[in-house]
Amino acid sequence: MYDYLVVGSGLFGSVFAHEAKKAGKKVLVIDKRPNIAGNVYTENVEGINVHKYGAHIFHTNNTEVWNYITQFATFNRFTNSPVANYKGELYSMPFNMYTFNKMWGVVTPEEAMEKISEQRKEITGEPQNLEEQAISLVGRDIYEKLVKGYTEKQWGRDCKELPAFIIKRLPVRLTFDNNYFNALYQGIPVGGYTKMIENMLEGIEVRLNTDYFEHKAELDNLSEKIIYTGPIDAYFDFRLGTLEYRSVRFDTELLNMPNFQGNAAVNYTDRETPWTRIIEHKWFEFGKDAEGNEIPKTVISREYSSEWKPGDEPYYPVNDEKNSKLYAEYKELAEKEKNIIFGGRLGEYKYYDMDMVIASALELCKKELQ
């Protein structure tokens, strides 16, 4: 008999399993995939740690979370500085003085601010949709070249049809700072995320290729309590309806060249290019393998944003009014369940960054394991 059955070996499940074992509990972790690590899974291809389910760049201002996660891996000094490609014109992201200089030829912060302020005036009154909201924040030029196409591909809808609240703010930096995340701590685990999760789950029994729902009755009888990190609506057999997600498809290829685009992430911001961005995985670890040698090949992934349908991998919860209301109803059901705790991005239907998942799991550990 186990004290805890943990469904899912992603970050939330692995943090909880590690802490439960440390507290002297007997833990079983199951995962329906053939590998551990959930969506942070990295696979080694020709010495390159490939982010199999999209780019994962760890960043946080939470010192407790940083001190916790760095027990399991050494993090490198990777800084996220994406580049935007608009029909062959390259711009710095986030919007900063390099962007404004390329866009308008301005040289000083004052000139840049004047240009943005002048273009913002186009919107008078309360923005009614995402397009108006974006223009009211950064002006029409930046919106047209760097926001519109990318956002429409991501959401599969015209910006005029999207609610204004999706873009609460667009960072405008009147400095030459290309660091995308305003975070105190940032980096990528040396050797990849899978190795980090392996270290977390050391000494814990893990069963892969095990679908919880296919063996539910038998698995439920194995433990006192269940930590469930899968989709909350799936747990209740979608009886109230299906929660919606956006999904992402990756087209990954190994290229016989040392350098495809010179950067980890290039966003394609025009509407005509079908992918939203291309990730070149080797640059997360500066193009070097575990021994510090330059890698002669490269792996790239084109990302395509898509409407989620049952059977697809769920990525981003669509936290609009309709879905939030449905989630609240599922949450009510969840609270009535005995001996089961719902956690993580899918279990809580929340757009969590990695540090927030870890913080949430540690919070649960404090309540549950004391």
Protein backbone atom coordinates (compact mmCIF):
# COMPACT_ATOMS: atom_id res chain seq x y z
CA MET A 1 0.00 0.00 0.00
CA TYR A 2 1.29 3.47 -0.94
CA ASP A 3 0.63 6.67 0.96
CA TYR A 4 0.36 8.63 -2.30
CA LEU A 5 -0.33 7.85 -5.91
CA VAL A 6 0.91 10.74 -8.06
CA VAL A 7 -0.72 10.89 -11.51
CA GLY A 8 1.72 12.67 -13.85
CA SER A 9 5.50 13.08 -13.63
CA GLY A 10 5.69 16.74 -14.66
CA LEU A 11 6.95 19.48 -12.38
CA PHE A 12 4.01 19.53 -9.97
CA GLY A 13 3.89 15.76 -9.51
CA SER A 14 7.67 15.41 -9.23
CA VAL A 15 8.03 18.15 -6.60
CA PHE A 16 5.27 16.60 -4.52
CA ALA A 17 6.65 13.05 -4.91
CA HIS A 18 10.14 14.19 -3.89
CA GLU A 19 8.89 15.99 -0.78
CA ALA A 20 6.56 13.14 0.20
CA LYS A 21 9.40 10.62 0.00
CA LYS A 22 11.58 12.97 2.06
CA ALA A 23 8.80 13.05 4.66
CA GLY A 24 8.98 9.25 4.88
CA LYS A 25 5.94 8.51 2.72
CA LYS A 26 5.66 5.63 0.26
CA VAL A 27 4.98 7.07 -3.19
CA LEU A 28 4.06 5.67 -6.61
CA VAL A 29 4.28 7.96 -9.67
CA ILE A 30 2.52 6.99 -12.90
CA ASP A 31 2.58 8.62 -16.33
CA LYS A 32 0.76 7.71 -19.51
CA ARG A 33 3.73 8.78 -21.64
CA PRO A 34 6.77 6.57 -22.22
CA ASN A 35 8.95 9.17 -20.46
CA ILE A 36 9.03 11.21 -17.27
CA ALA A 37 9.01 15.04 -17.03
CA GLY A 38 5.66 15.92 -18.64
CA ASN A 39 5.88 18.93 -20.94
CA VAL A 40 9.37 19.92 -19.72
CA TYR A 41 10.75 16.68 -21.22
CA THR A 42 14.02 17.15 -23.10
CA GLU A 43 15.48 14.54 -25.43
CA ASN A 44 19.15 14.35 -26.36
CA VAL A 45 19.67 14.45 -30.14
CA GLU A 46 23.29 14.57 -31.39
CA GLY A 47 24.38 16.18 -28.09
CA ILE A 48 21.56 18.79 -28.21
CA ASN A 49 18.89 18.80 -25.49
CA VAL A 50 15.73 19.21 -27.53
CA HIS A 51 12.72 20.76 -25.76
CA LYS A 52 10.21 18.21 -27.04
CA TYR A 53 7.06 20.11 -26.00
CA GLY A 54 8.17 23.66 -26.75
CA ALA A 55 10.74 26.03 -25.33
CA HIS A 56 10.96 26.02 -21.54
CA ILE A 57 13.04 28.88 -20.15
CA PHE A 58 13.13 28.96 -16.40
CA HIS A 59 12.71 32.42 -14.87
CA THR A 60 11.56 33.56 -11.44
CA ASN A 61 11.73 36.33 -8.86
CA ASN A 62 10.94 33.83 -6.11
CA THR A 63 14.15 33.09 -4.19
CA GLU A 64 12.58 30.14 -2.33
CA VAL A 65 11.63 28.47 -5.63
CA TRP A 66 15.07 29.19 -7.14
CA ASN A 67 16.89 27.73 -4.12
CA TYR A 68 14.61 24.70 -4.26
CA ILE A 69 14.97 23.86 -7.95
CA THR A 70 18.74 24.41 -8.07
CA GLN A 71 19.16 21.44 -5.70
CA PHE A 72 18.36 19.20 -8.67
CA ALA A 73 20.31 20.87 -11.47
CA THR A 74 22.94 23.49 -12.18
CA PHE A 75 21.36 26.25 -14.25
CA ASN A 76 23.30 28.06 -16.96
CA ARG A 77 23.13 31.83 -17.58
CA PHE A 78 20.84 31.66 -20.64
CA THR A 79 18.99 34.94 -21.16
CA ASN A 80 15.90 34.97 -23.34
CA SER A 81 16.36 37.56 -26.11
CA PRO A 82 13.99 36.61 -28.92
CA VAL A 83 14.14 38.16 -32.37
CA ALA A 84 11.05 39.07 -34.41
CA ASN A 85 11.11 38.41 -38.14
CA TYR A 86 8.55 40.47 -40.06
CA LYS A 87 8.79 39.61 -43.76
CA GLY A 88 12.58 39.44 -43.51
CA GLU A 89 13.00 42.54 -41.33
CA LEU A 90 14.52 41.64 -37.95
CA TYR A 91 13.52 43.42 -34.72
CA SER A 92 14.56 43.06 -31.09
CA MET A 93 12.07 41.73 -28.56
CA PRO A 94 10.86 42.88 -26.11
CA PHE A 95 10.19 46.30 -27.68
CA ASN A 96 13.22 48.40 -26.80
CA MET A 97 15.48 51.09 -28.23
CA TYR A 98 16.94 48.67 -30.81
CA THR A 99 13.35 47.97 -32.00
CA PHE A 100 12.44 51.67 -32.19
CA ASN A 101 15.66 52.60 -33.96
CA LYS A 102 15.03 49.93 -36.62
CA MET A 103 11.34 50.88 -36.91
CA TRP A 104 11.64 54.68 -37.11
CA GLY A 105 15.34 55.61 -37.12
CA VAL A 106 14.96 57.30 -33.71
CA VAL A 107 18.07 57.45 -31.55
CA THR A 108 17.03 58.80 -28.15
CA PRO A 109 14.41 57.54 -25.68
CA GLU A 110 12.69 60.93 -25.93
CA GLU A 111 12.28 60.59 -29.71
CA ALA A 112 10.97 57.04 -29.33
CA MET A 113 8.44 58.09 -26.70
CA GLU A 114 7.23 60.97 -28.88
CA LYS A 115 6.62 58.59 -31.77
CA ILE A 116 4.72 56.08 -29.61
CA SER A 117 2.65 58.80 -27.87
CA GLU A 118 1.68 60.32 -31.21
CA GLN A 119 0.50 56.93 -32.57
CA ARG A 120 -1.38 56.01 -29.39
CA LYS A 121 -3.71 58.98 -29.92
CA GLU A 122 -5.49 57.05 -32.66
CA ILE A 123 -7.51 55.28 -29.95
CA THR A 124 -9.83 57.52 -27.99
CA GLY A 125 -11.96 56.10 -25.24
CA GLU A 126 -11.91 52.60 -23.80
CA PRO A 127 -10.32 49.98 -26.14
CA GLN A 128 -13.06 47.63 -27.38
CA ASN A 129 -10.89 44.77 -28.61
CA LEU A 130 -7.32 43.50 -28.69
CA GLU A 131 -6.37 45.59 -31.73
CA GLU A 132 -7.45 48.85 -30.08
CA GLN A 133 -5.85 47.82 -26.78
CA ALA A 134 -2.48 47.11 -28.46
CA ILE A 135 -2.52 50.37 -30.45
CA SER A 136 -3.37 52.29 -27.27
CA LEU A 137 -0.25 50.78 -25.68
CA VAL A 138 2.39 50.81 -28.46
CA GLY A 139 0.92 52.61 -31.48
CA ARG A 140 -0.02 51.35 -34.93
CA ASP A 141 3.42 50.64 -36.48
CA ILE A 142 4.56 48.23 -33.77
CA TYR A 143 1.10 46.69 -33.61
CA GLU A 144 0.95 46.05 -37.38
CA LYS A 145 4.46 44.58 -37.69
CA LEU A 146 5.11 42.88 -34.37
CA VAL A 147 1.81 42.13 -32.63
CA LYS A 148 -1.04 41.59 -35.11
CA GLY A 149 0.07 38.60 -37.22
CA TYR A 150 1.68 36.71 -34.33
CA THR A 151 -1.36 37.13 -32.07
CA GLU A 152 -3.82 36.12 -34.80
CA LYS A 153 -1.83 32.95 -35.49
CA GLN A 154 -1.64 32.15 -31.78
CA TRP A 155 -5.35 32.53 -31.17
CA GLY A 156 -6.67 31.59 -34.59
CA ARG A 157 -8.84 34.72 -34.62
CA ASP A 158 -8.72 38.28 -35.94
CA CYS A 159 -7.40 40.79 -33.37
CA LYS A 160 -10.65 42.75 -33.68
CA GLU A 161 -12.51 39.65 -32.45
CA LEU A 162 -10.26 39.08 -29.45
CA PRO A 163 -11.05 40.69 -26.08
CA ALA A 164 -8.88 43.65 -25.00
CA PHE A 165 -7.93 41.99 -21.68
CA ILE A 166 -5.68 39.39 -23.39
CA ILE A 167 -3.06 42.14 -23.77
CA LYS A 168 -3.07 43.92 -20.43
CA ARG A 169 0.33 45.38 -21.11
CA LEU A 170 3.03 45.30 -23.75
CA PRO A 171 6.46 45.99 -22.31
CA VAL A 172 7.98 49.15 -23.82
CA ARG A 173 11.57 49.66 -22.78
CA LEU A 174 13.29 52.94 -23.44
CA THR A 175 16.65 51.20 -22.92
CA PHE A 176 18.83 48.88 -25.00
CA ASP A 177 17.92 45.89 -22.81
CA ASN A 178 17.14 42.70 -24.77
CA ASN A 179 16.41 40.53 -21.72
CA TYR A 180 12.82 39.41 -22.30
CA PHE A 181 12.06 38.34 -18.73
CA ASN A 182 12.31 40.87 -15.95
CA ALA A 183 13.37 38.11 -13.56
CA LEU A 184 15.99 37.99 -10.88
CA TYR A 185 16.86 34.37 -11.74
CA GLN A 186 16.90 32.87 -15.22
CA GLY A 187 18.50 29.95 -17.01
CA ILE A 188 18.25 26.43 -18.39
CA PRO A 189 19.25 23.30 -16.43
CA VAL A 190 22.60 22.07 -17.71
CA GLY A 191 22.03 18.60 -19.18
CA GLY A 192 18.32 19.25 -19.81
CA TYR A 193 15.09 19.17 -17.83
CA THR A 194 14.67 15.38 -18.01
CA LYS A 195 17.87 14.90 -16.00
CA MET A 196 16.58 17.43 -13.43
CA ILE A 197 13.28 15.52 -13.03
CA GLU A 198 15.22 12.23 -12.82
CA ASN A 199 17.11 13.70 -9.87
CA MET A 200 13.83 14.72 -8.20
CA LEU A 201 12.34 11.25 -8.61
CA GLU A 202 15.44 9.36 -7.46
CA GLY A 203 14.47 6.38 -5.28
CA ILE A 204 10.75 6.72 -6.13
CA GLU A 205 8.84 4.01 -7.97
CA VAL A 206 7.71 5.28 -11.40
CA ARG A 207 5.48 3.40 -13.86
CA LEU A 208 5.47 4.75 -17.40
CA ASN A 209 3.02 3.96 -20.24
CA THR A 210 0.34 3.75 -17.56
CA ASP A 211 -2.94 5.47 -18.29
CA TYR A 212 -4.68 6.30 -15.02
CA PHE A 213 -8.19 6.04 -16.48
CA GLU A 214 -7.56 2.64 -18.04
CA HIS A 215 -6.57 1.19 -14.65
CA LYS A 216 -8.45 3.58 -12.34
CA ALA A 217 -10.18 1.09 -10.00
CA GLU A 218 -7.01 -0.93 -9.47
CA LEU A 219 -4.77 2.16 -9.04
CA ASP A 220 -7.19 3.91 -6.66
CA ASN A 221 -6.96 0.90 -4.34
CA LEU A 222 -3.17 1.10 -4.16
CA SER A 223 -2.91 4.29 -2.13
CA GLU A 224 -4.40 6.32 0.69
CA LYS A 225 -4.43 9.51 -1.34
CA ILE A 226 -4.09 10.64 -4.96
CA ILE A 227 -2.34 13.69 -6.35
CA TYR A 228 -3.87 14.18 -9.80
CA THR A 229 -2.19 16.52 -12.31
CA GLY A 230 -4.15 15.64 -15.46
CA PRO A 231 -7.03 17.65 -16.98
CA ILE A 232 -9.73 18.20 -14.34
CA ASP A 233 -12.59 17.72 -16.83
CA ALA A 234 -11.16 14.36 -17.96
CA TYR A 235 -11.20 13.15 -14.35
CA PHE A 236 -14.96 13.72 -14.23
CA ASP A 237 -15.41 12.17 -17.67
CA PHE A 238 -16.32 15.59 -19.16
CA ARG A 239 -19.77 15.33 -17.57
CA LEU A 240 -20.24 19.12 -17.41
CA GLY A 241 -18.64 19.78 -20.79
CA THR A 242 -15.12 20.13 -22.18
CA LEU A 243 -12.71 22.86 -21.08
CA GLU A 244 -10.97 24.49 -24.03
CA TYR A 245 -7.24 24.90 -24.68
CA ARG A 246 -5.00 26.19 -27.39
CA SER A 247 -2.65 23.54 -28.66
CA VAL A 248 0.73 23.67 -30.39
CA ARG A 249 2.15 21.42 -33.09
CA PHE A 250 5.91 21.06 -33.54
CA ASP A 251 7.68 20.24 -36.77
CA THR A 252 11.19 19.30 -35.66
CA GLU A 253 14.17 18.55 -37.89
CA LEU A 254 17.86 17.79 -37.54
CA LEU A 255 19.95 19.89 -39.94
CA ASN A 256 23.47 19.15 -41.09
CA MET A 257 24.75 22.68 -40.38
CA PRO A 258 26.18 24.33 -37.27
CA ASN A 259 23.88 27.35 -37.16
CA PHE A 260 20.42 27.91 -38.66
CA GLN A 261 19.27 31.25 -37.21
CA GLY A 262 21.85 32.33 -34.62
CA ASN A 263 19.30 32.58 -31.78
CA ALA A 264 17.23 30.24 -29.61
CA ALA A 265 13.91 31.83 -30.62
CA VAL A 266 12.81 33.76 -33.70
CA ASN A 267 9.15 34.86 -33.80
CA TYR A 268 7.54 35.18 -37.23
CA THR A 269 5.17 38.10 -36.81
CA ASP A 270 3.59 38.32 -40.27
CA ARG A 271 0.29 36.56 -40.93
CA GLU A 272 1.48 34.80 -44.11
CA THR A 273 4.17 32.62 -42.49
CA PRO A 274 2.21 29.65 -41.12
CA TRP A 275 4.40 29.02 -38.04
CA THR A 276 4.52 31.34 -35.05
CA ARG A 277 8.19 30.83 -34.27
CA ILE A 278 11.26 28.70 -34.85
CA ILE A 279 13.25 27.39 -31.90
CA GLU A 280 16.90 26.41 -32.42
CA HIS A 281 17.50 24.24 -29.38
CA LYS A 282 21.29 24.25 -29.24
CA TRP A 283 21.40 27.95 -28.32
CA PHE A 284 19.69 27.26 -24.97
CA GLU A 285 23.05 25.78 -24.02
CA PHE A 286 25.25 28.07 -26.13
CA GLY A 287 25.81 25.54 -28.94
CA LYS A 288 27.97 23.27 -26.76
CA ASP A 289 27.53 19.61 -25.77
CA ALA A 290 28.01 18.18 -22.25
CA GLU A 291 31.81 18.15 -22.73
CA GLY A 292 31.84 21.79 -23.86
CA ASN A 293 32.51 20.98 -27.54
CA GLU A 294 30.88 22.92 -30.39
CA ILE A 295 28.09 20.83 -31.92
CA PRO A 296 28.41 20.47 -35.72
CA LYS A 297 24.66 19.92 -36.36
CA THR A 298 21.53 21.72 -35.23
CA VAL A 299 17.90 20.90 -34.40
CA ILE A 300 15.08 23.32 -35.15
CA SER A 301 11.36 23.20 -34.32
CA ARG A 302 8.74 25.18 -36.16
CA GLU A 303 5.76 25.88 -33.92
CA TYR A 304 2.21 26.01 -35.22
CA SER A 305 -0.56 27.22 -32.94
CA SER A 306 -3.86 25.37 -33.31
CA GLU A 307 -7.38 25.02 -31.92
CA TRP A 308 -7.36 22.18 -29.42
CA LYS A 309 -9.61 19.18 -30.02
CA PRO A 310 -9.98 16.09 -27.79
CA GLY A 311 -6.95 13.84 -28.29
CA ASP A 312 -4.56 16.79 -28.84
CA GLU A 313 -2.01 17.80 -26.24
CA PRO A 314 -3.57 20.62 -24.16
CA TYR A 315 -1.16 23.57 -23.73
CA TYR A 316 -2.78 26.89 -22.87
CA PRO A 317 -6.07 27.12 -20.98
CA VAL A 318 -8.51 29.52 -22.65
CA ASN A 319 -9.33 31.47 -19.49
CA ASP A 320 -12.27 33.38 -20.94
CA GLU A 321 -15.56 33.86 -19.14
CA LYS A 322 -17.25 30.71 -20.47
CA ASN A 323 -14.34 28.39 -19.61
CA SER A 324 -13.66 30.02 -16.23
CA LYS A 325 -17.31 29.44 -15.28
CA LEU A 326 -17.11 25.80 -16.36
CA TYR A 327 -13.86 25.32 -14.43
CA ALA A 328 -15.50 26.77 -11.28
CA GLU A 329 -18.21 24.08 -11.60
CA TYR A 330 -15.59 21.33 -11.96
CA LYS A 331 -13.69 22.77 -8.99
CA GLU A 332 -16.83 22.41 -6.90
CA LEU A 333 -17.03 18.74 -7.87
CA ALA A 334 -13.32 18.32 -7.10
CA GLU A 335 -13.75 19.70 -3.60
CA LYS A 336 -16.35 17.00 -2.84
CA GLU A 337 -13.97 14.19 -3.82
CA LYS A 338 -12.42 12.29 -0.94
CA ASN A 339 -8.68 11.65 -0.79
CA ILE A 340 -7.83 13.29 -4.11
CA ILE A 341 -5.98 16.56 -4.67
CA PHE A 342 -5.98 18.32 -8.05
CA GLY A 343 -2.84 20.27 -8.93
CA GLY A 344 -0.74 21.76 -11.72
CA ARG A 345 -1.62 23.53 -14.94
CA LEU A 346 -4.24 21.02 -16.11
CA GLY A 347 -5.59 20.06 -12.70
CA GLU A 348 -6.20 23.71 -11.83
CA TYR A 349 -6.91 24.94 -15.40
CA LYS A 350 -4.42 27.76 -14.98
CA TYR A 351 -1.74 29.28 -17.17
CA TYR A 352 1.17 28.62 -14.84
CA ASP A 353 4.81 29.42 -15.54
CA MET A 354 7.21 26.75 -14.25
CA ASP A 355 8.14 28.68 -11.12
CA MET A 356 4.45 29.07 -10.24
CA VAL A 357 3.89 25.32 -10.64
CA ILE A 358 6.77 24.66 -8.23
CA ALA A 359 5.51 27.29 -5.74
CA SER A 360 2.01 25.78 -5.90
CA ALA A 361 3.37 22.24 -5.31
CA LEU A 362 5.52 23.40 -2.37
CA GLU A 363 2.48 25.16 -0.89
CA LEU A 364 0.55 21.88 -1.06
CA CYS A 365 3.49 20.02 0.53
CA LYS A 366 3.44 22.41 3.50
CA LYS A 367 -0.27 21.77 4.07
CA GLU A 368 -0.29 18.07 3.27
CA LEU A 369 2.98 16.70 4.64
CA GLN A 370 3.39 18.58 7.94
